[in-house]
Each structure stands twice: as structure tokens, then as C-alpha cells.
Amino acid sequence: MMTGFLLVGFAVLALLAARAFLLPYLVWGPQAFDDFARRDDQKLAAGVLASAAIALACLPIAASVLISGDGHMQVFAETILGVPGRFWS
């Protein structure tokens, strides 16, 4: 199930990125991004797409934490933080 959601998410993200950046490049060529530093809408689109890509890449880790019980959370916390087990007991 998670794999299906990730595949759909990456497909939608790729389509949005192509619509936002590839389509103008194909229509106008390299000069489509000459004003990138001054255009806030292009910078916002790039930031939102980058944030969505990072969130989608972190989704498997976050989902495993959210659905775990207390014992699994302890193992996850020890693994991520590198804290020895004696501090948790």
C-alpha cells in the first residue's frame, strides 16, 4: 500500500515539475529562466516542489514511527539518536 502511494506521489510530483519547468523550457527555450532570480512565482514553485519531494522521501520513515507501538518507538529512538539502551530502562 505504501509503495503504491509513493509511486503515485512521485508521478504527480514529476508531472507538476514538468508542467512548471519543462513546458516553458520547451516553448521558449533557455531564455524562459532568464528572469528566475526576479520572478517570485517561479521561486515559489521551485520551493514547493522541493519541499514536496523532501516530504515524500521522508514519508516511509515518518510512517513507520507513527504506526509503531511503544516498544518499536524505543528501538527507533535508540537507532536514530544512537542512545544506549541503559538510558531508556
Protein backbone atom coordinates (compact mmCIF):
# COMPACT_ATOMS: atom_id res chain seq x y z
CA MET A 1 0.00 0.00 0.00
CA MET A 2 2.76 2.42 0.94
CA THR A 3 4.63 1.60 -2.26
CA GLY A 4 1.55 2.47 -4.30
CA PHE A 5 1.14 5.79 -2.51
CA LEU A 6 4.81 6.61 -3.02
CA LEU A 7 4.65 5.76 -6.73
CA VAL A 8 1.56 7.90 -7.23
CA GLY A 9 3.14 10.72 -5.23
CA PHE A 10 6.35 10.68 -7.25
CA ALA A 11 4.37 10.50 -10.52
CA VAL A 12 2.25 13.52 -9.56
CA LEU A 13 5.35 15.39 -8.41
CA ALA A 14 7.11 14.64 -11.70
CA LEU A 15 4.12 15.83 -13.71
CA LEU A 16 3.89 19.06 -11.71
CA ALA A 17 7.62 19.70 -12.09
CA ALA A 18 7.41 19.07 -15.83
CA ARG A 19 4.47 21.45 -16.14
CA ALA A 20 6.17 24.16 -14.09
CA PHE A 21 9.66 24.00 -15.61
CA LEU A 22 9.92 21.69 -18.62
CA LEU A 23 6.99 23.07 -20.57
CA PRO A 24 8.22 26.70 -20.52
CA TYR A 25 11.68 25.49 -21.49
CA LEU A 26 10.28 23.55 -24.44
CA VAL A 27 8.20 26.51 -25.61
CA TRP A 28 10.58 29.43 -25.09
CA GLY A 29 13.95 27.74 -24.79
CA PRO A 30 16.70 28.69 -22.33
CA GLN A 31 15.51 32.30 -22.06
CA ALA A 32 12.43 31.03 -20.17
CA PHE A 33 14.50 31.05 -16.98
CA ASP A 34 16.48 34.25 -17.54
CA ASP A 35 14.30 36.10 -15.04
CA PHE A 36 14.27 33.30 -12.46
CA ALA A 37 16.08 35.38 -9.83
CA ARG A 38 13.48 38.16 -10.12
CA ARG A 39 10.29 36.11 -10.52
CA ASP A 40 8.73 35.17 -7.21
CA ASP A 41 6.22 32.76 -8.73
CA GLN A 42 8.96 30.56 -10.21
CA LYS A 43 10.91 30.61 -6.97
CA LEU A 44 7.77 29.68 -5.04
CA ALA A 45 7.02 26.82 -7.43
CA ALA A 46 10.58 25.53 -7.11
CA GLY A 47 10.42 25.74 -3.31
CA VAL A 48 7.07 23.98 -3.07
CA LEU A 49 8.20 21.19 -5.41
CA ALA A 50 11.46 20.74 -3.49
CA SER A 51 9.58 20.65 -0.17
CA ALA A 52 7.13 18.10 -1.55
CA ALA A 53 9.99 15.93 -2.81
CA ILE A 54 11.72 16.02 0.58
CA ALA A 55 8.47 15.25 2.40
CA LEU A 56 7.75 12.38 0.05
CA ALA A 57 11.24 10.98 0.55
CA CYS A 58 10.81 11.16 4.36
CA LEU A 59 7.35 9.59 4.31
CA PRO A 60 8.45 5.95 4.84
CA ILE A 61 10.45 6.89 7.94
CA ALA A 62 7.68 9.07 9.35
CA ALA A 63 5.01 6.45 8.65
CA SER A 64 6.98 3.74 10.44
CA VAL A 65 7.24 5.96 13.51
CA LEU A 66 3.57 6.91 13.53
CA ILE A 67 2.23 3.35 13.35
CA SER A 68 4.66 1.79 15.82
CA GLY A 69 3.91 0.84 19.38
CA ASP A 70 5.90 1.88 22.43
CA GLY A 71 8.47 -0.88 22.09
CA HIS A 72 9.09 -0.05 18.46
CA MET A 73 9.38 3.65 19.26
CA GLN A 74 12.10 2.88 21.78
CA VAL A 75 14.06 0.86 19.23
CA PHE A 76 13.56 3.57 16.62
CA ALA A 77 14.70 6.30 19.03
CA GLU A 78 17.78 4.32 20.03
CA THR A 79 18.62 3.67 16.40
CA ILE A 80 18.21 7.25 15.24
CA LEU A 81 19.71 9.02 18.25
CA GLY A 82 22.41 6.45 18.97
CA VAL A 83 21.44 6.41 22.65
CA PRO A 84 22.50 3.29 24.53
CA GLY A 85 19.69 1.10 25.89
CA ARG A 86 20.60 1.68 29.56
CA PHE A 87 19.27 5.25 29.41
CA TRP A 88 15.82 4.04 28.36
CA SER A 89 15.32 1.42 31.08
